[in-house]
């Protein structure tokens, strides 16, 4: 039995693609997933499954069901609990020693970016941010605010769906995954 973290991209933002978490939880349970939990309104769903599907097949199944149930398409980023733990361990920034106003975010990509696409990301302004790409994750250390980031805004140039979570949410999701 595998524990998964499923992150929906772009729901419940500015009144667009509205999904109530109770309805999303019901949908996952109706799909046969076990121990389904949601966390906050941004579309974080944790579940257990013994299906021997590939990540791509499982993700496509969830995306198709969202379209059928809610009437719109949503990109889903999927990771196992083991992958999530590794993402936390691999963070190149020390959350315990952040200066006032600094924050850590992680952007989770569906696919590993192509090297030529990485070259299309805008250059970081070191007074505003630092970032590191590691496989299918982009780690950010913002010295001020994510809202000022040209790098975060330019991640669409990686040509793969992505969704971003702050460090507190990343750790809360790990804690929840350990309870399933």
Protein backbone atom coordinates (compact mmCIF):
# COMPACT_ATOMS: atom_id res chain seq x y z
CA UNK A 1 0.00 0.00 0.00
CA UNK A 2 1.50 3.32 -1.11
CA UNK A 3 0.82 6.77 0.33
CA UNK A 4 0.51 9.58 -2.23
CA UNK A 5 0.36 13.35 -2.10
CA UNK A 6 -1.68 14.86 -4.90
CA UNK A 7 -1.46 18.60 -5.50
CA UNK A 8 -4.01 20.31 -7.72
CA UNK A 9 -2.77 23.30 -9.65
CA UNK A 10 -4.73 26.54 -9.80
CA UNK A 11 -7.93 25.71 -7.96
CA UNK A 12 -9.83 28.08 -5.66
CA UNK A 13 -7.79 31.08 -6.81
CA UNK A 14 -9.57 34.38 -7.47
CA UNK A 15 -12.94 32.64 -7.69
CA UNK A 16 -11.77 30.33 -10.49
CA UNK A 17 -12.03 26.52 -10.65
CA UNK A 18 -13.82 26.27 -7.34
CA UNK A 19 -13.73 22.89 -5.62
CA UNK A 20 -14.87 22.29 -2.07
CA UNK A 21 -12.43 20.06 -0.25
CA UNK A 22 -15.25 17.83 1.08
CA UNK A 23 -16.38 17.19 -2.51
CA UNK A 24 -12.80 16.53 -3.61
CA UNK A 25 -12.34 14.07 -0.74
CA UNK A 26 -15.57 12.30 -1.73
CA UNK A 27 -14.36 12.05 -5.32
CA UNK A 28 -11.07 10.43 -4.26
CA UNK A 29 -12.92 7.99 -2.00
CA UNK A 30 -15.33 7.11 -4.81
CA UNK A 31 -12.29 6.30 -6.95
CA UNK A 32 -11.38 3.62 -4.41
CA UNK A 33 -8.55 5.44 -2.64
CA UNK A 34 -8.16 4.92 1.10
CA UNK A 35 -7.43 7.17 4.10
CA UNK A 36 -8.17 10.28 2.02
CA UNK A 37 -7.33 13.59 3.70
CA UNK A 38 -7.32 17.11 2.33
CA UNK A 39 -5.31 20.02 3.65
CA UNK A 40 -6.30 23.67 3.16
CA UNK A 41 -8.25 24.95 0.17
CA UNK A 42 -5.44 24.91 -2.40
CA UNK A 43 -6.03 21.30 -3.42
CA UNK A 44 -3.70 19.14 -1.35
CA UNK A 45 -5.00 15.56 -1.16
CA UNK A 46 -3.28 12.70 0.62
CA UNK A 47 -4.41 9.12 0.05
CA UNK A 48 -3.38 5.49 0.10
CA UNK A 49 -3.67 3.08 -2.78
CA UNK A 50 -2.56 -0.44 -3.59
CA UNK A 51 -3.12 0.04 -7.32
CA UNK A 52 -0.08 -0.91 -9.33
CA UNK A 53 -0.45 2.00 -11.73
CA UNK A 54 2.41 4.10 -12.96
CA UNK A 55 2.55 7.66 -11.68
CA UNK A 56 1.44 8.91 -15.10
CA UNK A 57 -1.56 6.54 -15.25
CA UNK A 58 -2.62 7.40 -11.72
CA UNK A 59 -2.27 11.14 -12.35
CA UNK A 60 -4.24 10.93 -15.59
CA UNK A 61 -6.98 8.95 -13.86
CA UNK A 62 -7.31 11.65 -11.19
CA UNK A 63 -7.26 14.47 -13.76
CA UNK A 64 -9.92 12.73 -15.86
CA UNK A 65 -12.14 12.22 -12.81
CA UNK A 66 -11.80 15.89 -11.81
CA UNK A 67 -12.90 16.88 -15.31
CA UNK A 68 -15.86 14.48 -15.17
CA UNK A 69 -17.00 15.49 -11.67
CA UNK A 70 -16.26 19.23 -11.63
CA UNK A 71 -16.46 20.12 -15.33
CA UNK A 72 -13.02 21.66 -15.83
CA UNK A 73 -9.45 20.51 -16.32
CA UNK A 74 -6.88 20.72 -13.55
CA UNK A 75 -3.24 19.67 -13.64
CA UNK A 76 -2.27 17.28 -10.88
CA UNK A 77 1.22 16.90 -9.46
CA UNK A 78 1.74 13.55 -7.74
CA UNK A 79 4.44 12.36 -5.34
CA UNK A 80 4.77 9.37 -3.05
CA UNK A 81 5.31 9.91 0.68
CA UNK A 82 8.88 8.66 0.26
CA UNK A 83 9.53 11.19 -2.50
CA UNK A 84 8.02 13.91 -0.30
CA UNK A 85 10.38 13.06 2.55
CA UNK A 86 13.31 13.26 0.13
CA UNK A 87 12.12 16.65 -1.14
CA UNK A 88 12.17 17.96 2.44
CA UNK A 89 15.62 16.46 3.11
CA UNK A 90 17.04 17.88 -0.14
CA UNK A 91 16.13 21.49 0.62
CA UNK A 92 19.32 23.52 0.18
CA UNK A 93 18.11 26.28 2.52
CA UNK A 94 18.13 26.21 6.30
CA UNK A 95 14.62 26.94 7.54
CA UNK A 96 15.86 27.23 11.12
CA UNK A 97 18.08 30.21 10.28
CA UNK A 98 15.86 32.39 8.11
CA UNK A 99 16.22 36.11 8.57
CA UNK A 100 13.19 38.25 9.24
CA UNK A 101 11.05 38.48 6.11
CA UNK A 102 12.66 35.46 4.41
CA UNK A 103 10.68 32.42 3.33
CA UNK A 104 11.18 29.09 1.60
CA UNK A 105 8.92 27.77 -1.13
CA UNK A 106 9.06 24.65 -3.27
CA UNK A 107 7.69 24.43 -6.78
CA UNK A 108 6.83 20.86 -7.73
CA UNK A 109 7.03 20.08 -11.43
CA UNK A 110 5.22 17.26 -13.20
CA UNK A 111 8.28 16.39 -15.27
CA UNK A 112 11.99 16.97 -15.00
CA UNK A 113 12.76 20.13 -17.02
CA UNK A 114 14.84 19.93 -20.15
CA UNK A 115 18.26 21.63 -19.87
CA UNK A 116 17.45 24.03 -22.72
CA UNK A 117 14.25 25.08 -20.93
CA UNK A 118 16.17 25.80 -17.71
CA UNK A 119 18.13 28.40 -19.67
CA UNK A 120 14.90 30.28 -20.41
CA UNK A 121 14.16 31.06 -16.75
CA UNK A 122 14.82 34.73 -15.95
CA UNK A 123 17.95 35.44 -13.93
CA UNK A 124 17.43 35.72 -10.19
CA UNK A 125 17.93 39.05 -8.49
CA UNK A 126 20.13 38.01 -5.55
CA UNK A 127 18.72 40.82 -3.42
CA UNK A 128 15.25 39.27 -3.82
CA UNK A 129 15.72 35.52 -4.18
CA UNK A 130 17.85 32.44 -4.58
CA UNK A 131 16.75 29.22 -6.22
CA UNK A 132 18.00 25.71 -6.93
CA UNK A 133 16.56 23.16 -9.33
CA UNK A 134 16.82 19.56 -8.15
CA UNK A 135 15.13 17.01 -10.40
CA UNK A 136 11.41 17.82 -10.45
CA UNK A 137 11.60 20.45 -7.71
CA UNK A 138 12.59 24.09 -7.64
CA UNK A 139 13.56 25.36 -4.19
CA UNK A 140 13.26 29.07 -3.51
CA UNK A 141 14.64 31.27 -0.76
CA UNK A 142 12.86 34.60 -0.94
CA UNK A 143 14.53 37.44 0.90
CA UNK A 144 11.34 39.51 0.65
CA UNK A 145 8.22 38.23 -1.09
CA UNK A 146 7.37 35.63 -3.70
CA UNK A 147 5.23 38.31 -5.37
CA UNK A 148 8.38 40.13 -6.52
CA UNK A 149 9.94 37.03 -8.11
CA UNK A 150 10.62 37.07 -11.83
CA UNK A 151 11.98 33.53 -11.57
CA UNK A 152 8.79 32.14 -9.99
CA UNK A 153 6.70 33.99 -12.57
CA UNK A 154 8.88 32.57 -15.36
CA UNK A 155 8.61 28.89 -14.43
CA UNK A 156 6.00 28.37 -17.16
CA UNK A 157 8.98 28.43 -19.54
CA UNK A 158 9.89 24.98 -18.23
CA UNK A 159 6.98 23.63 -20.32
CA UNK A 160 5.64 21.34 -17.60
CA UNK A 161 2.78 21.85 -15.15
CA UNK A 162 3.92 23.11 -11.77
CA UNK A 163 2.49 24.11 -8.44
CA UNK A 164 4.11 25.93 -5.54
CA UNK A 165 3.76 25.43 -1.78
CA UNK A 166 5.35 27.31 1.11
CA UNK A 167 7.69 25.52 3.50
CA UNK A 168 5.11 25.33 6.29
CA UNK A 169 2.65 23.57 3.98
CA UNK A 170 5.36 21.22 2.74
CA UNK A 171 6.14 20.15 6.30
CA UNK A 172 2.49 19.92 7.35
CA UNK A 173 1.79 17.64 4.39
CA UNK A 174 4.73 15.44 5.39
CA UNK A 175 3.38 15.18 8.94
CA UNK A 176 -0.07 14.26 7.60
CA UNK A 177 1.42 11.66 5.21
CA UNK A 178 3.11 9.98 8.17
CA UNK A 179 -0.28 9.52 9.85
CA UNK A 180 -1.89 7.61 6.98
